[in-house]
């Protein structure tokens, strides 16, 4: 029942171990800001696009996403076979830092637990981008995901939950570091059915939290035309560009020197274009 091991496999693994070299990435490279410019070369961006398209190809070849069968898929299956692979491909080999990972399975948010206080359970986002810096764990992105076929109420509930999670994340970071206001932000991604909404929470110069709805795109779960695929890729590249910049801003942020009183966390949101 068990085939004999293939010597070639052992040789390939040996070569991999011997040839492995950890990528050398400086967390204190030149400080980046949100200025409307791409932070990577066209060649690097081209590589990212190919990674995402390879994931998309696998999804399109998966008969589980046939229009009829897709209606029966639960939230967890949608996340694990579409959303998480796409996020991983979009954020692969970031040029700033390397101590971060994608957290799944609704792990409790440290930021939320801290803000609620001792004895209270924190919120559990579907997915988080977690980074470790200065021996502290920070959460830079939260994702809330519905089923592929979802109800309007679920979409509304997730939007509210995501807003709360991003506020918790920004509050948590500012207890330890003071990244630039009107620049650094926490990403909130909502997957509502087959639509991806990209949001960013930023603290402005007067300590008001501004929740920007940046862009929305259809998720091409089934074979789609060029325009749909292009918009989806552009949205994911925007996400990558934001994360790269936010990591740089985090690494260059001064350390908090005193315990301040809780700052005003009033949130102003920009309207979302769902058309």
Protein backbone atom coordinates (compact mmCIF):
# COMPACT_ATOMS: atom_id res chain seq x y z
CA UNK A 1 0.00 0.00 0.00
CA UNK A 2 2.92 2.36 0.74
CA UNK A 3 5.20 2.94 -2.27
CA UNK A 4 8.98 2.77 -1.88
CA UNK A 5 10.49 6.25 -1.28
CA UNK A 6 11.95 7.86 -4.40
CA UNK A 7 15.67 8.76 -3.99
CA UNK A 8 15.15 11.79 -6.23
CA UNK A 9 12.85 13.35 -3.64
CA UNK A 10 15.50 13.11 -0.94
CA UNK A 11 18.06 14.69 -3.27
CA UNK A 12 15.76 17.59 -4.15
CA UNK A 13 15.07 18.22 -0.46
CA UNK A 14 18.79 18.09 0.34
CA UNK A 15 19.55 20.68 -2.36
CA UNK A 16 16.75 22.89 -1.07
CA UNK A 17 18.10 22.88 2.49
CA UNK A 18 21.69 23.46 1.40
CA UNK A 19 20.82 26.26 -1.00
CA UNK A 20 18.36 28.08 1.25
CA UNK A 21 19.25 31.66 2.12
CA UNK A 22 16.99 33.88 4.15
CA UNK A 23 15.91 37.03 2.36
CA UNK A 24 17.72 40.05 3.74
CA UNK A 25 15.19 42.83 4.26
CA UNK A 26 15.85 45.97 6.27
CA UNK A 27 12.97 47.19 8.40
CA UNK A 28 14.65 50.60 8.63
CA UNK A 29 14.99 51.29 4.92
CA UNK A 30 13.87 54.68 3.59
CA UNK A 31 10.58 55.83 5.08
CA UNK A 32 7.60 55.52 2.74
CA UNK A 33 4.46 57.63 2.74
CA UNK A 34 1.07 57.46 1.05
CA UNK A 35 1.71 59.78 -1.90
CA UNK A 36 -0.09 58.05 -4.75
CA UNK A 37 3.06 56.31 -6.00
CA UNK A 38 3.69 52.60 -6.39
CA UNK A 39 6.35 51.35 -3.96
CA UNK A 40 7.73 48.57 -6.19
CA UNK A 41 9.15 48.34 -9.69
CA UNK A 42 7.00 47.32 -12.66
CA UNK A 43 8.87 44.03 -12.81
CA UNK A 44 8.10 43.25 -9.16
CA UNK A 45 4.45 44.17 -9.66
CA UNK A 46 4.31 41.93 -12.72
CA UNK A 47 5.50 38.99 -10.59
CA UNK A 48 2.75 39.68 -8.03
CA UNK A 49 0.11 39.82 -10.77
CA UNK A 50 1.26 36.43 -12.07
CA UNK A 51 1.04 34.95 -8.56
CA UNK A 52 -2.56 36.15 -8.18
CA UNK A 53 -3.54 34.96 -11.66
CA UNK A 54 -2.15 31.49 -10.89
CA UNK A 55 -4.45 31.33 -7.87
CA UNK A 56 -7.33 32.54 -10.00
CA UNK A 57 -6.61 29.83 -12.57
CA UNK A 58 -6.87 27.16 -9.87
CA UNK A 59 -10.16 28.63 -8.69
CA UNK A 60 -11.62 28.68 -12.20
CA UNK A 61 -10.62 25.04 -12.70
CA UNK A 62 -12.35 24.04 -9.46
CA UNK A 63 -15.82 22.69 -10.25
CA UNK A 64 -16.88 23.41 -6.68
CA UNK A 65 -17.46 26.98 -7.84
CA UNK A 66 -19.94 25.99 -10.48
CA UNK A 67 -22.85 28.49 -10.19
CA UNK A 68 -25.22 25.88 -8.74
CA UNK A 69 -22.79 24.16 -6.36
CA UNK A 70 -21.38 27.50 -5.17
CA UNK A 71 -24.71 28.26 -3.50
CA UNK A 72 -24.12 25.44 -1.02
CA UNK A 73 -20.57 26.39 0.01
CA UNK A 74 -20.16 27.58 3.59
CA UNK A 75 -18.17 30.60 4.74
CA UNK A 76 -15.15 28.57 5.82
CA UNK A 77 -14.81 26.84 2.44
CA UNK A 78 -15.06 30.15 0.60
CA UNK A 79 -12.36 31.64 2.81
CA UNK A 80 -9.93 28.72 2.60
CA UNK A 81 -10.20 28.05 -1.14
CA UNK A 82 -10.56 31.60 -2.51
CA UNK A 83 -10.01 34.51 -0.12
CA UNK A 84 -6.98 33.32 1.88
CA UNK A 85 -5.02 32.06 -1.19
CA UNK A 86 -5.67 35.36 -2.98
CA UNK A 87 -4.52 37.41 0.03
CA UNK A 88 -1.39 35.27 0.44
CA UNK A 89 -0.51 35.72 -3.23
CA UNK A 90 -1.11 39.48 -3.00
CA UNK A 91 1.14 39.91 0.04
CA UNK A 92 3.87 37.42 -0.86
CA UNK A 93 7.49 38.60 -0.57
CA UNK A 94 6.74 42.09 0.71
CA UNK A 95 9.86 44.29 0.42
CA UNK A 96 9.50 45.72 3.93
CA UNK A 97 10.14 43.47 6.95
CA UNK A 98 9.45 39.74 7.22
CA UNK A 99 7.98 39.13 10.69
CA UNK A 100 4.32 38.91 9.71
CA UNK A 101 1.74 36.26 8.89
CA UNK A 102 -1.88 35.74 7.86
CA UNK A 103 -3.99 34.61 10.81
CA UNK A 104 -7.13 32.58 10.03
CA UNK A 105 -9.71 30.46 11.89
CA UNK A 106 -11.19 33.46 13.73
CA UNK A 107 -8.34 33.87 16.19
CA UNK A 108 -9.09 36.33 19.00
CA UNK A 109 -7.86 39.85 18.30
CA UNK A 110 -5.26 40.97 20.85
CA UNK A 111 -6.15 44.59 20.11
CA UNK A 112 -9.83 43.98 20.78
CA UNK A 113 -9.20 42.02 23.99
CA UNK A 114 -6.92 44.79 25.27
CA UNK A 115 -9.44 47.52 24.57
CA UNK A 116 -12.35 45.63 26.16
CA UNK A 117 -10.34 45.09 29.31
CA UNK A 118 -9.36 42.21 31.55
CA UNK A 119 -11.90 39.42 31.76
CA UNK A 120 -13.55 40.18 28.41
CA UNK A 121 -13.17 38.24 25.20
CA UNK A 122 -11.90 40.11 22.17
CA UNK A 123 -13.55 40.08 18.78
CA UNK A 124 -12.64 37.27 16.40
CA UNK A 125 -12.01 38.51 12.86
CA UNK A 126 -12.21 35.92 10.10
CA UNK A 127 -8.70 36.82 8.91
CA UNK A 128 -5.94 39.15 10.17
CA UNK A 129 -2.55 40.34 8.98
CA UNK A 130 -0.35 40.18 12.08
CA UNK A 131 3.14 41.68 12.42
CA UNK A 132 5.62 41.30 15.27
CA UNK A 133 7.76 44.37 15.94
CA UNK A 134 9.68 45.43 19.05
CA UNK A 135 8.53 42.21 20.77
CA UNK A 136 4.90 43.29 20.34
CA UNK A 137 2.22 41.81 18.10
CA UNK A 138 0.28 44.31 16.00
CA UNK A 139 -2.70 43.72 13.72
CA UNK A 140 -2.52 45.70 10.46
CA UNK A 141 -5.48 44.26 8.57
CA UNK A 142 -8.81 42.69 9.41
CA UNK A 143 -11.00 40.73 7.02
CA UNK A 144 -14.65 39.80 7.44
CA UNK A 145 -16.05 37.33 4.96
CA UNK A 146 -19.54 36.08 4.17
CA UNK A 147 -20.61 33.06 2.16
CA UNK A 148 -20.53 33.40 -1.60
CA UNK A 149 -24.30 33.67 -1.47
CA UNK A 150 -25.03 35.98 1.46
CA UNK A 151 -27.88 37.92 3.04
CA UNK A 152 -28.07 41.74 3.25
CA UNK A 153 -28.13 41.51 7.06
CA UNK A 154 -24.87 39.55 7.14
CA UNK A 155 -23.23 42.20 4.96
CA UNK A 156 -24.40 44.97 7.28
CA UNK A 157 -23.27 43.10 10.42
CA UNK A 158 -19.81 42.45 8.95
CA UNK A 159 -19.39 46.09 7.93
CA UNK A 160 -20.09 47.24 11.51
CA UNK A 161 -17.84 44.55 13.00
CA UNK A 162 -15.00 45.50 10.64
CA UNK A 163 -15.27 49.17 11.60
CA UNK A 164 -14.98 48.24 15.27
CA UNK A 165 -12.02 45.94 14.65
CA UNK A 166 -10.05 48.59 12.76
CA UNK A 167 -10.68 51.08 15.56
CA UNK A 168 -9.40 48.55 18.11
CA UNK A 169 -6.31 47.89 15.97
CA UNK A 170 -5.39 51.55 15.64
CA UNK A 171 -5.94 52.21 19.34
CA UNK A 172 -3.71 49.22 20.24
CA UNK A 173 -0.84 50.35 18.04
CA UNK A 174 -0.92 53.90 19.37
CA UNK A 175 -0.43 52.65 22.93
CA UNK A 176 3.11 51.59 21.94
CA UNK A 177 3.99 53.63 18.86
CA UNK A 178 2.99 56.96 17.34
CA UNK A 179 2.92 56.48 13.56
CA UNK A 180 2.25 59.55 11.43
CA UNK A 181 -1.29 60.86 11.58
CA UNK A 182 -3.10 61.34 8.25
CA UNK A 183 -0.80 58.61 6.88
CA UNK A 184 -0.71 55.34 8.82
CA UNK A 185 -3.90 53.33 8.87
CA UNK A 186 -5.50 49.97 9.57
CA UNK A 187 -6.91 48.08 6.59
CA UNK A 188 -10.41 46.66 6.73
CA UNK A 189 -11.36 44.25 3.94
CA UNK A 190 -14.95 43.10 3.62
CA UNK A 191 -15.85 40.19 1.39
CA UNK A 192 -19.59 40.49 0.86
CA UNK A 193 -20.71 37.69 -1.41
CA UNK A 194 -18.71 38.04 -4.60
CA UNK A 195 -17.64 41.63 -3.95
CA UNK A 196 -14.49 42.79 -2.17
CA UNK A 197 -14.59 46.17 -0.39
CA UNK A 198 -11.25 47.74 0.58
CA UNK A 199 -11.30 50.24 3.47
CA UNK A 200 -8.71 52.14 5.50
CA UNK A 201 -9.03 53.70 8.95
CA UNK A 202 -6.72 56.69 9.51
CA UNK A 203 -6.36 59.07 12.46
CA UNK A 204 -6.24 62.66 11.26
CA UNK A 205 -4.33 65.59 12.76
CA UNK A 206 -7.14 66.41 15.23
CA UNK A 207 -7.45 62.77 16.39
CA UNK A 208 -10.62 61.94 14.48
CA UNK A 209 -10.71 58.46 12.98
CA UNK A 210 -11.59 58.66 9.29
CA UNK A 211 -12.81 55.47 7.66
CA UNK A 212 -12.19 55.61 3.93
CA UNK A 213 -13.93 53.29 1.46
CA UNK A 214 -11.14 53.09 -1.09
CA UNK A 215 -12.28 50.67 -3.75
CA UNK A 216 -14.62 47.78 -4.48
CA UNK A 217 -14.23 44.97 -6.98
CA UNK A 218 -16.10 41.88 -8.06
CA UNK A 219 -14.33 38.66 -7.08
CA UNK A 220 -14.09 36.57 -10.28
CA UNK A 221 -14.90 33.21 -8.71
CA UNK A 222 -16.05 31.90 -12.08
CA UNK A 223 -14.60 32.64 -15.51
CA UNK A 224 -14.96 36.39 -16.06
CA UNK A 225 -14.12 38.97 -18.67
CA UNK A 226 -10.97 41.06 -18.81
CA UNK A 227 -12.49 44.13 -17.16
CA UNK A 228 -13.61 42.21 -14.06
CA UNK A 229 -10.25 40.47 -13.66
CA UNK A 230 -8.33 43.71 -14.16
CA UNK A 231 -10.36 45.58 -11.54
CA UNK A 232 -9.89 42.73 -9.07
CA UNK A 233 -6.11 42.64 -9.63
CA UNK A 234 -5.85 46.43 -9.34
CA UNK A 235 -7.68 46.33 -6.00
CA UNK A 236 -5.32 43.68 -4.63
CA UNK A 237 -2.28 45.62 -5.84
CA UNK A 238 -3.66 48.67 -4.06
CA UNK A 239 -3.95 46.57 -0.90
CA UNK A 240 -0.32 45.46 -1.27
CA UNK A 241 0.88 49.03 -1.82
CA UNK A 242 -0.98 50.21 1.29
CA UNK A 243 0.43 47.40 3.46
CA UNK A 244 3.99 48.08 2.26
CA UNK A 245 3.63 51.77 3.12
CA UNK A 246 1.97 51.11 6.47
CA UNK A 247 4.74 48.68 7.47
CA UNK A 248 7.34 51.33 6.65
CA UNK A 249 5.43 53.95 8.66
CA UNK A 250 5.17 51.52 11.58
CA UNK A 251 8.89 50.76 11.56
CA UNK A 252 9.73 54.49 11.53
CA UNK A 253 7.21 55.47 14.20
CA UNK A 254 8.55 56.93 17.47
CA UNK A 255 7.88 54.96 20.63
CA UNK A 256 5.17 56.27 22.95
CA UNK A 257 6.93 57.96 25.86
CA UNK A 258 4.01 58.40 28.24
CA UNK A 259 0.61 57.00 29.01
CA UNK A 260 -1.89 59.39 27.54
CA UNK A 261 -5.55 59.61 28.18
CA UNK A 262 -7.74 57.87 25.64
CA UNK A 263 -7.89 60.04 22.53
CA UNK A 264 -11.10 60.89 20.72
CA UNK A 265 -12.02 58.00 18.43
CA UNK A 266 -14.93 59.62 16.60
CA UNK A 267 -15.11 58.05 13.16
CA UNK A 268 -16.10 59.76 9.92
CA UNK A 269 -16.77 57.45 6.97
CA UNK A 270 -16.66 58.13 3.26
CA UNK A 271 -19.56 56.70 1.23
CA UNK A 272 -19.03 53.39 -0.52
CA UNK A 273 -19.77 53.03 -4.21
CA UNK A 274 -21.39 49.61 -4.62
CA UNK A 275 -22.19 50.15 -8.26
